[in-house]
Amino acid sequence: MTKPASQVLILCSDIMFSSQITGAARQCEYTFCTVLSTRQALAQLDDSIRQVLLVDLNQPSLNWDQLKSIHQEHPTLVSIAFGPHVDVEKLEAARAAGCTEVMPRSRFSAQLAQILQAALTEEV
């Protein structure tokens, strides 16, 4: 089996929303992996391929310290956090943890395919 050139890591336990993300990844022909914790995400990171980490800010097992460590240990990792636009505290916490981009869930959902393509095709 050959190694993928890029991969979408999905940190989201919402089955319905996660299926929307995996559908967009399939449509764009990206491989993907769903993880349920920042610890699992860390185990899947591979600096030899282009990866994007999608972080659902409603994820119950979200560990902010581990998320910050992920960004420190993998500085080229593109990470996109999304959550309710009214949850300003979580959106700010994601920025403080080092997420590359933070956006309301509605924008993320509406522009999902474009967001994935931009994250996985930009030069590091």
PDB file of N, CA and C in Angstrom:
ATOM      1  N   MET A   1       0.845  -1.191   0.000  1.00  0.00           N
ATOM      2  CA  MET A   1       0.000   0.000   0.000  1.00  0.00           C
ATOM      3  C   MET A   1       0.883   1.243   0.000  1.00  0.00           C
ATOM      4  N   THR A   2       0.595   2.171  -0.889  1.00  0.00           N
ATOM      5  CA  THR A   2       1.388   3.387  -0.968  1.00  0.00           C
ATOM      6  C   THR A   2       0.912   4.409   0.047  1.00  0.00           C
ATOM      7  N   LYS A   3       1.835   5.239   0.463  1.00  0.00           N
ATOM      8  CA  LYS A   3       1.531   6.283   1.443  1.00  0.00           C
ATOM      9  C   LYS A   3       0.790   7.425   0.757  1.00  0.00           C
ATOM     10  N   PRO A   4      -0.286   7.949   1.376  1.00  0.00           N
ATOM     11  CA  PRO A   4      -1.007   9.056   0.745  1.00  0.00           C
ATOM     12  C   PRO A   4      -0.155  10.326   0.741  1.00  0.00           C
ATOM     13  N   ALA A   5      -0.408  11.188  -0.236  1.00  0.00           N
ATOM     14  CA  ALA A   5       0.309  12.460  -0.323  1.00  0.00           C
ATOM     15  C   ALA A   5      -0.243  13.470   0.680  1.00  0.00           C
ATOM     16  N   SER A   6      -1.499  13.279   1.056  1.00  0.00           N
ATOM     17  CA  SER A   6      -2.133  14.186   2.006  1.00  0.00           C
ATOM     18  C   SER A   6      -3.234  13.441   2.746  1.00  0.00           C
ATOM     19  N   GLN A   7      -3.613  13.983   3.891  1.00  0.00           N
ATOM     20  CA  GLN A   7      -4.617  13.319   4.714  1.00  0.00           C
ATOM     21  C   GLN A   7      -5.376  14.343   5.548  1.00  0.00           C
ATOM     22  N   VAL A   8      -6.652  14.063   5.745  1.00  0.00           N
ATOM     23  CA  VAL A   8      -7.518  14.865   6.592  1.00  0.00           C
ATOM     24  C   VAL A   8      -7.692  14.120   7.911  1.00  0.00           C
ATOM     25  N   LEU A   9      -7.304  14.739   9.013  1.00  0.00           N
ATOM     26  CA  LEU A   9      -7.548  14.181  10.346  1.00  0.00           C
ATOM     27  C   LEU A   9      -8.762  14.905  10.917  1.00  0.00           C
ATOM     28  N   ILE A  10      -9.756  14.146  11.324  1.00  0.00           N
ATOM     29  CA  ILE A  10     -11.017  14.720  11.773  1.00  0.00           C
ATOM     30  C   ILE A  10     -11.205  14.436  13.256  1.00  0.00           C
ATOM     31  N   LEU A  11     -11.125  15.478  14.068  1.00  0.00           N
ATOM     32  CA  LEU A  11     -11.361  15.352  15.507  1.00  0.00           C
ATOM     33  C   LEU A  11     -12.793  15.807  15.769  1.00  0.00           C
ATOM     34  N   CYS A  12     -13.705  14.841  15.675  1.00  0.00           N
ATOM     35  CA  CYS A  12     -15.129  15.155  15.774  1.00  0.00           C
ATOM     36  C   CYS A  12     -15.884  13.883  16.135  1.00  0.00           C
ATOM     37  N   SER A  13     -16.699  13.953  17.176  1.00  0.00           N
ATOM     38  CA  SER A  13     -17.488  12.778  17.566  1.00  0.00           C
ATOM     39  C   SER A  13     -18.943  12.881  17.116  1.00  0.00           C
ATOM     40  N   ASP A  14     -19.318  13.988  16.516  1.00  0.00           N
ATOM     41  CA  ASP A  14     -20.671  14.170  15.993  1.00  0.00           C
ATOM     42  C   ASP A  14     -20.780  13.360  14.701  1.00  0.00           C
ATOM     43  N   ILE A  15     -21.472  12.231  14.763  1.00  0.00           N
ATOM     44  CA  ILE A  15     -21.518  11.303  13.635  1.00  0.00           C
ATOM     45  C   ILE A  15     -22.093  11.946  12.373  1.00  0.00           C
ATOM     46  N   MET A  16     -23.143  12.708  12.526  1.00  0.00           N
ATOM     47  CA  MET A  16     -23.759  13.340  11.354  1.00  0.00           C
ATOM     48  C   MET A  16     -22.807  14.349  10.696  1.00  0.00           C
ATOM     49  N   PHE A  17     -22.179  15.184  11.523  1.00  0.00           N
ATOM     50  CA  PHE A  17     -21.285  16.196  10.967  1.00  0.00           C
ATOM     51  C   PHE A  17     -20.009  15.559  10.442  1.00  0.00           C
ATOM     52  N   SER A  18     -19.532  14.545  11.139  1.00  0.00           N
ATOM     53  CA  SER A  18     -18.344  13.830  10.704  1.00  0.00           C
ATOM     54  C   SER A  18     -18.565  13.183   9.339  1.00  0.00           C
ATOM     55  N   SER A  19     -19.758  12.663   9.102  1.00  0.00           N
ATOM     56  CA  SER A  19     -20.044  12.055   7.795  1.00  0.00           C
ATOM     57  C   SER A  19     -20.065  13.116   6.694  1.00  0.00           C
ATOM     58  N   GLN A  20     -20.473  14.329   7.015  1.00  0.00           N
ATOM     59  CA  GLN A  20     -20.421  15.426   6.036  1.00  0.00           C
ATOM     60  C   GLN A  20     -18.965  15.721   5.663  1.00  0.00           C
ATOM     61  N   ILE A  21     -18.091  15.716   6.666  1.00  0.00           N
ATOM     62  CA  ILE A  21     -16.672  15.992   6.422  1.00  0.00           C
ATOM     63  C   ILE A  21     -16.034  14.864   5.610  1.00  0.00           C
ATOM     64  N   THR A  22     -16.307  13.609   5.992  1.00  0.00           N
ATOM     65  CA  THR A  22     -15.714  12.491   5.257  1.00  0.00           C
ATOM     66  C   THR A  22     -16.237  12.440   3.816  1.00  0.00           C
ATOM     67  N   GLY A  23     -17.491  12.823   3.637  1.00  0.00           N
ATOM     68  CA  GLY A  23     -18.042  12.884   2.278  1.00  0.00           C
ATOM     69  C   GLY A  23     -17.315  13.904   1.426  1.00  0.00           C
ATOM     70  N   ALA A  24     -17.026  15.065   1.999  1.00  0.00           N
ATOM     71  CA  ALA A  24     -16.289  16.101   1.271  1.00  0.00           C
ATOM     72  C   ALA A  24     -14.860  15.647   0.985  1.00  0.00           C
ATOM     73  N   ALA A  25     -14.243  14.968   1.953  1.00  0.00           N
ATOM     74  CA  ALA A  25     -12.878  14.458   1.744  1.00  0.00           C
ATOM     75  C   ALA A  25     -12.861  13.424   0.621  1.00  0.00           C
ATOM     76  N   ARG A  26     -13.850  12.530   0.609  1.00  0.00           N
ATOM     77  CA  ARG A  26     -13.948  11.529  -0.466  1.00  0.00           C
ATOM     78  C   ARG A  26     -14.130  12.206  -1.827  1.00  0.00           C
ATOM     79  N   GLN A  27     -15.019  13.192  -1.855  1.00  0.00           N
ATOM     80  CA  GLN A  27     -15.285  13.912  -3.102  1.00  0.00           C
ATOM     81  C   GLN A  27     -14.020  14.567  -3.635  1.00  0.00           C
ATOM     82  N   CYS A  28     -13.197  15.078  -2.732  1.00  0.00           N
ATOM     83  CA  CYS A  28     -11.940  15.727  -3.127  1.00  0.00           C
ATOM     84  C   CYS A  28     -10.805  14.715  -3.305  1.00  0.00           C
ATOM     85  N   GLU A  29     -11.118  13.431  -3.082  1.00  0.00           N
ATOM     86  CA  GLU A  29     -10.167  12.335  -3.213  1.00  0.00           C
ATOM     87  C   GLU A  29      -9.013  12.416  -2.230  1.00  0.00           C
ATOM     88  N   TYR A  30      -9.306  12.823  -0.993  1.00  0.00           N
ATOM     89  CA  TYR A  30      -8.323  12.828   0.081  1.00  0.00           C
ATOM     90  C   TYR A  30      -8.575  11.640   0.997  1.00  0.00           C
ATOM     91  N   THR A  31      -7.498  11.077   1.516  1.00  0.00           N
ATOM     92  CA  THR A  31      -7.666  10.064   2.546  1.00  0.00           C
ATOM     93  C   THR A  31      -8.013  10.792   3.835  1.00  0.00           C
ATOM     94  N   PHE A  32      -8.648  10.077   4.755  1.00  0.00           N
ATOM     95  CA  PHE A  32      -9.036  10.713   6.007  1.00  0.00           C
ATOM     96  C   PHE A  32      -8.985   9.718   7.146  1.00  0.00           C
ATOM     97  N   CYS A  33      -8.946  10.245   8.338  1.00  0.00           N
ATOM     98  CA  CYS A  33      -8.929   9.446   9.553  1.00  0.00           C
ATOM     99  C   CYS A  33      -9.709  10.222  10.611  1.00  0.00           C
ATOM    100  N   THR A  34     -10.653   9.553  11.235  1.00  0.00           N
ATOM    101  CA  THR A  34     -11.419  10.180  12.304  1.00  0.00           C
ATOM    102  C   THR A  34     -10.815   9.777  13.642  1.00  0.00           C
ATOM    103  N   VAL A  35     -10.588  10.761  14.491  1.00  0.00           N
ATOM    104  CA  VAL A  35     -10.060  10.519  15.834  1.00  0.00           C
ATOM    105  C   VAL A  35     -11.008  11.141  16.843  1.00  0.00           C
ATOM    106  N   LEU A  36     -11.010  10.581  18.050  1.00  0.00           N
ATOM    107  CA  LEU A  36     -11.947  11.056  19.064  1.00  0.00           C
ATOM    108  C   LEU A  36     -11.282  11.813  20.202  1.00  0.00           C
ATOM    109  N   SER A  37      -9.956  11.986  20.127  1.00  0.00           N
ATOM    110  CA  SER A  37      -9.255  12.736  21.170  1.00  0.00           C
ATOM    111  C   SER A  37      -8.000  13.363  20.587  1.00  0.00           C
ATOM    112  N   THR A  38      -7.483  14.345  21.279  1.00  0.00           N
ATOM    113  CA  THR A  38      -6.235  14.972  20.842  1.00  0.00           C
ATOM    114  C   THR A  38      -5.090  13.962  20.926  1.00  0.00           C
ATOM    115  N   ARG A  39      -5.158  13.045  21.866  1.00  0.00           N
ATOM    116  CA  ARG A  39      -4.129  12.001  21.992  1.00  0.00           C
ATOM    117  C   ARG A  39      -4.123  11.107  20.741  1.00  0.00           C
ATOM    118  N   GLN A  40      -5.305  10.726  20.273  1.00  0.00           N
ATOM    119  CA  GLN A  40      -5.401   9.921  19.054  1.00  0.00           C
ATOM    120  C   GLN A  40      -4.920  10.723  17.841  1.00  0.00           C
ATOM    121  N   ALA A  41      -5.241  11.999  17.817  1.00  0.00           N
ATOM    122  CA  ALA A  41      -4.778  12.847  16.714  1.00  0.00           C
ATOM    123  C   ALA A  41      -3.259  12.887  16.673  1.00  0.00           C
ATOM    124  N   LEU A  42      -2.642  13.058  17.819  1.00  0.00           N
ATOM    125  CA  LEU A  42      -1.187  13.107  17.907  1.00  0.00           C
ATOM    126  C   LEU A  42      -0.567  11.817  17.376  1.00  0.00           C
ATOM    127  N   ALA A  43      -1.185  10.688  17.685  1.00  0.00           N
ATOM    128  CA  ALA A  43      -0.668   9.396  17.230  1.00  0.00           C
ATOM    129  C   ALA A  43      -0.750   9.246  15.712  1.00  0.00           C
ATOM    130  N   GLN A  44      -1.638   9.971  15.057  1.00  0.00           N
ATOM    131  CA  GLN A  44      -1.827   9.873  13.608  1.00  0.00           C
ATOM    132  C   GLN A  44      -1.006  10.880  12.812  1.00  0.00           C
ATOM    133  N   LEU A  45      -0.377  11.823  13.483  1.00  0.00           N
ATOM    134  CA  LEU A  45       0.360  12.865  12.765  1.00  0.00           C
ATOM    135  C   LEU A  45       1.625  12.304  12.127  1.00  0.00           C
ATOM    136  N   ASP A  46       1.876  12.731  10.925  1.00  0.00           N
ATOM    137  CA  ASP A  46       3.020  12.275  10.145  1.00  0.00           C
ATOM    138  C   ASP A  46       3.555  13.482   9.371  1.00  0.00           C
ATOM    139  N   ASP A  47       4.680  13.997   9.803  1.00  0.00           N
ATOM    140  CA  ASP A  47       5.239  15.197   9.173  1.00  0.00           C
ATOM    141  C   ASP A  47       5.745  14.960   7.754  1.00  0.00           C
ATOM    142  N   SER A  48       5.793  13.705   7.313  1.00  0.00           N
ATOM    143  CA  SER A  48       6.283  13.431   5.962  1.00  0.00           C
ATOM    144  C   SER A  48       5.192  13.586   4.901  1.00  0.00           C
ATOM    145  N   ILE A  49       3.944  13.774   5.322  1.00  0.00           N
ATOM    146  CA  ILE A  49       2.857  14.020   4.373  1.00  0.00           C
ATOM    147  C   ILE A  49       2.126  15.292   4.777  1.00  0.00           C
ATOM    148  N   ARG A  50       1.412  15.858   3.843  1.00  0.00           N
ATOM    149  CA  ARG A  50       0.615  17.063   4.099  1.00  0.00           C
ATOM    150  C   ARG A  50      -0.669  16.628   4.808  1.00  0.00           C
ATOM    151  N   GLN A  51      -0.908  17.155   5.993  1.00  0.00           N
ATOM    152  CA  GLN A  51      -2.111  16.833   6.751  1.00  0.00           C
ATOM    153  C   GLN A  51      -2.811  18.104   7.193  1.00  0.00           C
ATOM    154  N   VAL A  52      -4.112  17.987   7.340  1.00  0.00           N
ATOM    155  CA  VAL A  52      -4.899  19.052   7.943  1.00  0.00           C
ATOM    156  C   VAL A  52      -5.664  18.413   9.098  1.00  0.00           C
ATOM    157  N   LEU A  53      -5.639  19.077  10.236  1.00  0.00           N
ATOM    158  CA  LEU A  53      -6.374  18.624  11.411  1.00  0.00           C
ATOM    159  C   LEU A  53      -7.614  19.500  11.551  1.00  0.00           C
ATOM    160  N   LEU A  54      -8.775  18.870  11.481  1.00  0.00           N
ATOM    161  CA  LEU A  54     -10.039  19.581  11.649  1.00  0.00           C
ATOM    162  C   LEU A  54     -10.517  19.347  13.074  1.00  0.00           C
ATOM    163  N   VAL A  55     -10.723  20.437  13.811  1.00  0.00           N
ATOM    164  CA  VAL A  55     -11.039  20.337  15.235  1.00  0.00           C
ATOM    165  C   VAL A  55     -12.434  20.887  15.505  1.00  0.00           C
ATOM    166  N   ASP A  56     -13.335  19.996  15.896  1.00  0.00           N
ATOM    167  CA  ASP A  56     -14.675  20.392  16.304  1.00  0.00           C
ATOM    168  C   ASP A  56     -14.583  20.893  17.747  1.00  0.00           C
ATOM    169  N   LEU A  57     -14.849  22.158  17.950  1.00  0.00           N
ATOM    170  CA  LEU A  57     -14.722  22.743  19.285  1.00  0.00           C
ATOM    171  C   LEU A  57     -15.797  22.252  20.253  1.00  0.00           C
ATOM    172  N   ASN A  58     -16.783  21.519  19.762  1.00  0.00           N
ATOM    173  CA  ASN A  58     -17.779  20.895  20.628  1.00  0.00           C
ATOM    174  C   ASN A  58     -17.367  19.492  21.060  1.00  0.00           C
ATOM    175  N   GLN A  59     -16.178  19.079  20.659  1.00  0.00           N
ATOM    176  CA  GLN A  59     -15.675  17.754  21.010  1.00  0.00           C
ATOM    177  C   GLN A  59     -15.497  17.657  22.531  1.00  0.00           C
ATOM    178  N   PRO A  60     -16.222  16.751  23.186  1.00  0.00           N
ATOM    179  CA  PRO A  60     -16.156  16.666  24.658  1.00  0.00           C
ATOM    180  C   PRO A  60     -14.771  16.326  25.196  1.00  0.00           C
ATOM    181  N   SER A  61     -13.989  15.543  24.449  1.00  0.00           N
ATOM    182  CA  SER A  61     -12.681  15.118  24.954  1.00  0.00           C
ATOM    183  C   SER A  61     -11.539  16.045  24.533  1.00  0.00           C
ATOM    184  N   LEU A  62     -11.867  17.240  24.077  1.00  0.00           N
ATOM    185  CA  LEU A  62     -10.837  18.168  23.610  1.00  0.00           C
ATOM    186  C   LEU A  62      -9.948  18.606  24.773  1.00  0.00           C
ATOM    187  N   ASN A  63      -8.672  18.317  24.633  1.00  0.00           N
ATOM    188  CA  ASN A  63      -7.689  18.676  25.652  1.00  0.00           C
ATOM    189  C   ASN A  63      -6.882  19.847  25.097  1.00  0.00           C
ATOM    190  N   TRP A  64      -7.095  21.033  25.666  1.00  0.00           N
ATOM    191  CA  TRP A  64      -6.474  22.257  25.148  1.00  0.00           C
ATOM    192  C   TRP A  64      -4.959  22.218  25.262  1.00  0.00           C
ATOM    193  N   ASP A  65      -4.434  21.659  26.348  1.00  0.00           N
ATOM    194  CA  ASP A  65      -2.977  21.584  26.515  1.00  0.00           C
ATOM    195  C   ASP A  65      -2.362  20.670  25.455  1.00  0.00           C
ATOM    196  N   GLN A  66      -3.009  19.535  25.193  1.00  0.00           N
ATOM    197  CA  GLN A  66      -2.503  18.634  24.154  1.00  0.00           C
ATOM    198  C   GLN A  66      -2.605  19.269  22.777  1.00  0.00           C
ATOM    199  N   LEU A  67      -3.685  20.011  22.541  1.00  0.00           N
ATOM    200  CA  LEU A  67      -3.834  20.690  21.251  1.00  0.00           C
ATOM    201  C   LEU A  67      -2.707  21.696  21.052  1.00  0.00           C
ATOM    202  N   LYS A  68      -2.379  22.417  22.090  1.00  0.00           N
ATOM    203  CA  LYS A  68      -1.273  23.378  22.019  1.00  0.00           C
ATOM    204  C   LYS A  68       0.049  22.651  21.770  1.00  0.00           C
ATOM    205  N   SER A  69       0.252  21.518  22.428  1.00  0.00           N
ATOM    206  CA  SER A  69       1.471  20.726  22.234  1.00  0.00           C
ATOM    207  C   SER A  69       1.577  20.202  20.807  1.00  0.00           C
ATOM    208  N   ILE A  70       0.455  19.781  20.253  1.00  0.00           N
ATOM    209  CA  ILE A  70       0.446  19.308  18.862  1.00  0.00           C
ATOM    210  C   ILE A  70       0.986  20.393  17.948  1.00  0.00           C
ATOM    211  N   HIS A  71       0.524  21.626  18.138  1.00  0.00           N
ATOM    212  CA  HIS A  71       0.979  22.730  17.283  1.00  0.00           C
ATOM    213  C   HIS A  71       2.447  23.062  17.512  1.00  0.00           C
ATOM    214  N   GLN A  72       2.910  22.924  18.735  1.00  0.00           N
ATOM    215  CA  GLN A  72       4.317  23.192  19.028  1.00  0.00           C
ATOM    216  C   GLN A  72       5.223  22.116  18.438  1.00  0.00           C
ATOM    217  N   GLU A  73       4.780  20.863  18.514  1.00  0.00           N
ATOM    218  CA  GLU A  73       5.587  19.743  18.026  1.00  0.00           C
ATOM    219  C   GLU A  73       5.523  19.575  16.507  1.00  0.00           C
ATOM    220  N   HIS A  74       4.465  20.077  15.898  1.00  0.00           N
ATOM    221  CA  HIS A  74       4.268  19.942  14.454  1.00  0.00           C
ATOM    222  C   HIS A  74       3.949  21.318  13.861  1.00  0.00           C
ATOM    223  N   PRO A  75       4.956  22.190  13.787  1.00  0.00           N
ATOM    224  CA  PRO A  75       4.710  23.582  13.369  1.00  0.00           C
ATOM    225  C   PRO A  75       4.186  23.748  11.943  1.00  0.00           C
ATOM    226  N   THR A  76       4.373  22.763  11.077  1.00  0.00           N
ATOM    227  CA  THR A  76       3.874  22.887   9.709  1.00  0.00           C
ATOM    228  C   THR A  76       2.452  22.355   9.554  1.00  0.00           C
ATOM    229  N   LEU A  77       1.902  21.785  10.606  1.00  0.00           N
ATOM    230  CA  LEU A  77       0.547  21.242  10.551  1.00  0.00           C
ATOM    231  C   LEU A  77      -0.476  22.357  10.367  1.00  0.00           C
ATOM    232  N   VAL A  78      -1.344  22.181   9.404  1.00  0.00           N
ATOM    233  CA  VAL A  78      -2.454  23.101   9.211  1.00  0.00           C
ATOM    234  C   VAL A  78      -3.611  22.563  10.039  1.00  0.00           C
ATOM    235  N   SER A  79      -4.171  23.398  10.900  1.00  0.00           N
ATOM    236  CA  SER A  79      -5.311  22.971  11.712  1.00  0.00           C
ATOM    237  C   SER A  79      -6.423  24.003  11.593  1.00  0.00           C
ATOM    238  N   ILE A  80      -7.623  23.490  11.455  1.00  0.00           N
ATOM    239  CA  ILE A  80      -8.781  24.360  11.316  1.00  0.00           C
ATOM    240  C   ILE A  80      -9.781  23.980  12.396  1.00  0.00           C
ATOM    241  N   ALA A  81     -10.073  24.927  13.267  1.00  0.00           N
ATOM    242  CA  ALA A  81     -11.033  24.712  14.338  1.00  0.00           C
ATOM    243  C   ALA A  81     -12.346  25.380  13.961  1.00  0.00           C
ATOM    244  N   PHE A  82     -13.439  24.723  14.317  1.00  0.00           N
ATOM    245  CA  PHE A  82     -14.756  25.280  14.020  1.00  0.00           C
ATOM    246  C   PHE A  82     -15.691  25.006  15.184  1.00  0.00           C
ATOM    247  N   GLY A  83     -16.581  25.951  15.406  1.00  0.00           N
ATOM    248  CA  GLY A  83     -17.542  25.814  16.498  1.00  0.00           C
ATOM    249  C   GLY A  83     -18.635  26.857  16.366  1.00  0.00           C
ATOM    250  N   PRO A  84     -19.572  26.830  17.293  1.00  0.00           N
ATOM    251  CA  PRO A  84     -20.674  27.796  17.245  1.00  0.00           C
ATOM    252  C   PRO A  84     -20.142  29.233  17.312  1.00  0.00           C
ATOM    253  N   HIS A  85     -20.684  30.090  16.468  1.00  0.00           N
ATOM    254  CA  HIS A  85     -20.210  31.482  16.437  1.00  0.00           C
ATOM    255  C   HIS A  85     -20.456  32.206  17.765  1.00  0.00           C
ATOM    256  N   VAL A  86     -21.407  31.718  18.547  1.00  0.00           N
ATOM    257  CA  VAL A  86     -21.706  32.371  19.825  1.00  0.00           C
ATOM    258  C   VAL A  86     -20.775  31.924  20.945  1.00  0.00           C
ATOM    259  N   ASP A  87     -19.998  30.869  20.716  1.00  0.00           N
ATOM    260  CA  ASP A  87     -19.087  30.370  21.744  1.00  0.00           C
ATOM    261  C   ASP A  87     -17.716  31.026  21.583  1.00  0.00           C
ATOM    262  N   VAL A  88     -17.687  32.308  21.847  1.00  0.00           N
ATOM    263  CA  VAL A  88     -16.481  33.118  21.658  1.00  0.00           C
ATOM    264  C   VAL A  88     -15.317  32.587  22.491  1.00  0.00           C
ATOM    265  N   GLU A  89     -15.603  32.081  23.675  1.00  0.00           N
ATOM    266  CA  GLU A  89     -14.552  31.573  24.556  1.00  0.00           C
ATOM    267  C   GLU A  89     -13.801  30.396  23.913  1.00  0.00           C
ATOM    268  N   LYS A  90     -14.525  29.447  23.340  1.00  0.00           N
ATOM    269  CA  LYS A  90     -13.873  28.303  22.686  1.00  0.00           C
ATOM    270  C   LYS A  90     -13.148  28.726  21.413  1.00  0.00           C
ATOM    271  N   LEU A  91     -13.719  29.642  20.663  1.00  0.00           N
ATOM    272  CA  LEU A  91     -13.057  30.122  19.454  1.00  0.00           C
ATOM    273  C   LEU A  91     -11.734  30.798  19.803  1.00  0.00           C
ATOM    274  N   GLU A  92     -11.732  31.596  20.866  1.00  0.00           N
ATOM    275  CA  GLU A  92     -10.502  32.258  21.316  1.00  0.00           C
ATOM    276  C   GLU A  92      -9.505  31.241  21.866  1.00  0.00           C
ATOM    277  N   ALA A  93      -9.990  30.227  22.571  1.00  0.00           N
ATOM    278  CA  ALA A  93      -9.108  29.188  23.118  1.00  0.00           C
ATOM    279  C   ALA A  93      -8.418  28.428  21.979  1.00  0.00           C
ATOM    280  N   ALA A  94      -9.127  28.205  20.902  1.00  0.00           N
ATOM    281  CA  ALA A  94      -8.535  27.527  19.744  1.00  0.00           C
ATOM    282  C   ALA A  94      -7.420  28.370  19.133  1.00  0.00           C
ATOM    283  N   ARG A  95      -7.647  29.669  19.044  1.00  0.00           N
ATOM    284  CA  ARG A  95      -6.593  30.566  18.539  1.00  0.00           C
ATOM    285  C   ARG A  95      -5.382  30.526  19.466  1.00  0.00           C
ATOM    286  N   ALA A  96      -5.636  30.572  20.761  1.00  0.00           N
ATOM    287  CA  ALA A  96      -4.551  30.542  21.746  1.00  0.00           C
ATOM    288  C   ALA A  96      -3.792  29.219  21.712  1.00  0.00           C
ATOM    289  N   ALA A  97      -4.472  28.141  21.352  1.00  0.00           N
ATOM    290  CA  ALA A  97      -3.830  26.826  21.265  1.00  0.00           C
ATOM    291  C   ALA A  97      -3.012  26.661  19.988  1.00  0.00           C
ATOM    292  N   GLY A  98      -3.106  27.631  19.083  1.00  0.00           N
ATOM    293  CA  GLY A  98      -2.280  27.621  17.889  1.00  0.00           C
ATOM    294  C   GLY A  98      -2.942  27.152  16.615  1.00  0.00           C
ATOM    295  N   CYS A  99      -4.258  27.019  16.606  1.00  0.00           N
ATOM    296  CA  CYS A  99      -4.937  26.598  15.385  1.00  0.00           C
ATOM    297  C   CYS A  99      -4.660  27.593  14.266  1.00  0.00           C
ATOM    298  N   THR A 100      -4.402  27.080  13.082  1.00  0.00           N
ATOM    299  CA  THR A 100      -4.075  27.894  11.924  1.00  0.00           C
ATOM    300  C   THR A 100      -5.223  28.822  11.559  1.00  0.00           C
ATOM    301  N   GLU A 101      -6.435  28.260  11.599  1.00  0.00           N
ATOM    302  CA  GLU A 101      -7.628  29.032  11.267  1.00  0.00           C
ATOM    303  C   GLU A 101      -8.756  28.617  12.200  1.00  0.00           C
ATOM    304  N   VAL A 102      -9.540  29.589  12.621  1.00  0.00           N
ATOM    305  CA  VAL A 102     -10.681  29.356  13.514  1.00  0.00           C
ATOM    306  C   VAL A 102     -11.885  30.032  12.878  1.00  0.00           C
ATOM    307  N   MET A 103     -12.988  29.280  12.793  1.00  0.00           N
ATOM    308  CA  MET A 103     -14.152  29.840  12.113  1.00  0.00           C
ATOM    309  C   MET A 103     -15.449  29.297  12.695  1.00  0.00           C
ATOM    310  N   PRO A 104     -16.546  30.015  12.439  1.00  0.00           N
ATOM    311  CA  PRO A 104     -17.855  29.509  12.855  1.00  0.00           C
ATOM    312  C   PRO A 104     -18.190  28.229  12.099  1.00  0.00           C
ATOM    313  N   ARG A 105     -18.907  27.360  12.746  1.00  0.00           N
ATOM    314  CA  ARG A 105     -19.300  26.078  12.148  1.00  0.00           C
ATOM    315  C   ARG A 105     -20.083  26.275  10.844  1.00  0.00           C
ATOM    316  N   SER A 106     -20.904  27.305  10.778  1.00  0.00           N
ATOM    317  CA  SER A 106     -21.709  27.545   9.573  1.00  0.00           C
ATOM    318  C   SER A 106     -20.819  27.823   8.363  1.00  0.00           C
ATOM    319  N   ARG A 107     -19.790  28.625   8.533  1.00  0.00           N
ATOM    320  CA  ARG A 107     -18.862  28.919   7.429  1.00  0.00           C
ATOM    321  C   ARG A 107     -18.082  27.662   7.049  1.00  0.00           C
ATOM    322  N   PHE A 108     -17.624  26.926   8.052  1.00  0.00           N
ATOM    323  CA  PHE A 108     -16.880  25.698   7.808  1.00  0.00           C
ATOM    324  C   PHE A 108     -17.725  24.733   6.974  1.00  0.00           C
ATOM    325  N   SER A 109     -18.959  24.559   7.367  1.00  0.00           N
ATOM    326  CA  SER A 109     -19.866  23.638   6.684  1.00  0.00           C
ATOM    327  C   SER A 109     -20.145  24.090   5.248  1.00  0.00           C
ATOM    328  N   ALA A 110     -20.384  25.372   5.064  1.00  0.00           N
ATOM    329  CA  ALA A 110     -20.731  25.903   3.745  1.00  0.00           C
ATOM    330  C   ALA A 110     -19.559  25.857   2.765  1.00  0.00           C
ATOM    331  N   GLN A 111     -18.337  25.963   3.266  1.00  0.00           N
ATOM    332  CA  GLN A 111     -17.159  26.049   2.396  1.00  0.00           C
ATOM    333  C   GLN A 111     -16.220  24.851   2.549  1.00  0.00           C
ATOM    334  N   LEU A 112     -16.734  23.745   3.038  1.00  0.00           N
ATOM    335  CA  LEU A 112     -15.909  22.596   3.411  1.00  0.00           C
ATOM    336  C   LEU A 112     -14.963  22.127   2.307  1.00  0.00           C
ATOM    337  N   ALA A 113     -15.457  21.882   1.124  1.00  0.00           N
ATOM    338  CA  ALA A 113     -14.595  21.395   0.039  1.00  0.00           C
ATOM    339  C   ALA A 113     -13.483  22.396  -0.282  1.00  0.00           C
ATOM    340  N   GLN A 114     -13.823  23.673  -0.347  1.00  0.00           N
ATOM    341  CA  GLN A 114     -12.818  24.701  -0.646  1.00  0.00           C
ATOM    342  C   GLN A 114     -11.781  24.793   0.476  1.00  0.00           C
ATOM    343  N   ILE A 115     -12.240  24.661   1.719  1.00  0.00           N
ATOM    344  CA  ILE A 115     -11.328  24.728   2.866  1.00  0.00           C
ATOM    345  C   ILE A 115     -10.332  23.573   2.821  1.00  0.00           C
ATOM    346  N   LEU A 116     -10.821  22.370   2.534  1.00  0.00           N
ATOM    347  CA  LEU A 116      -9.937  21.207   2.447  1.00  0.00           C
ATOM    348  C   LEU A 116      -8.922  21.388   1.320  1.00  0.00           C
ATOM    349  N   GLN A 117      -9.384  21.803   0.161  1.00  0.00           N
ATOM    350  CA  GLN A 117      -8.479  21.975  -0.970  1.00  0.00           C
ATOM    351  C   GLN A 117      -7.421  23.023  -0.679  1.00  0.00           C
ATOM    352  N   ALA A 118      -7.814  24.127  -0.064  1.00  0.00           N
ATOM    353  CA  ALA A 118      -6.841  25.177   0.254  1.00  0.00           C
ATOM    354  C   ALA A 118      -5.827  24.689   1.282  1.00  0.00           C
ATOM    355  N   ALA A 119      -6.296  23.974   2.290  1.00  0.00           N
ATOM    356  CA  ALA A 119      -5.409  23.511   3.359  1.00  0.00           C
ATOM    357  C   ALA A 119      -4.419  22.456   2.867  1.00  0.00           C
ATOM    358  N   LEU A 120      -4.846  21.640   1.925  1.00  0.00           N
ATOM    359  CA  LEU A 120      -3.985  20.527   1.491  1.00  0.00           C
ATOM    360  C   LEU A 120      -3.209  20.801   0.213  1.00  0.00           C
ATOM    361  N   THR A 121      -3.394  21.964  -0.387  1.00  0.00           N
ATOM    362  CA  THR A 121      -2.639  22.269  -1.592  1.00  0.00           C
ATOM    363  C   THR A 121      -1.687  23.450  -1.423  1.00  0.00           C
ATOM    364  N   GLU A 122      -1.837  24.217  -0.366  1.00  0.00           N
ATOM    365  CA  GLU A 122      -0.940  25.350  -0.139  1.00  0.00           C
ATOM    366  C   GLU A 122       0.451  24.843   0.197  1.00  0.00           C
ATOM    367  N   GLU A 123       1.443  25.588  -0.213  1.00  0.00           N
ATOM    368  CA  GLU A 123       2.810  25.255   0.136  1.00  0.00           C
ATOM    369  C   GLU A 123       3.061  25.581   1.593  1.00  0.00           C
ATOM    370  N   VAL A 124       3.877  24.741   2.227  1.00  0.00           N
ATOM    371  CA  VAL A 124       4.214  24.944   3.652  1.00  0.00           C
ATOM    372  C   VAL A 124       5.208  26.062   3.774  1.00  0.00           C
TER     373      VAL A 124
END
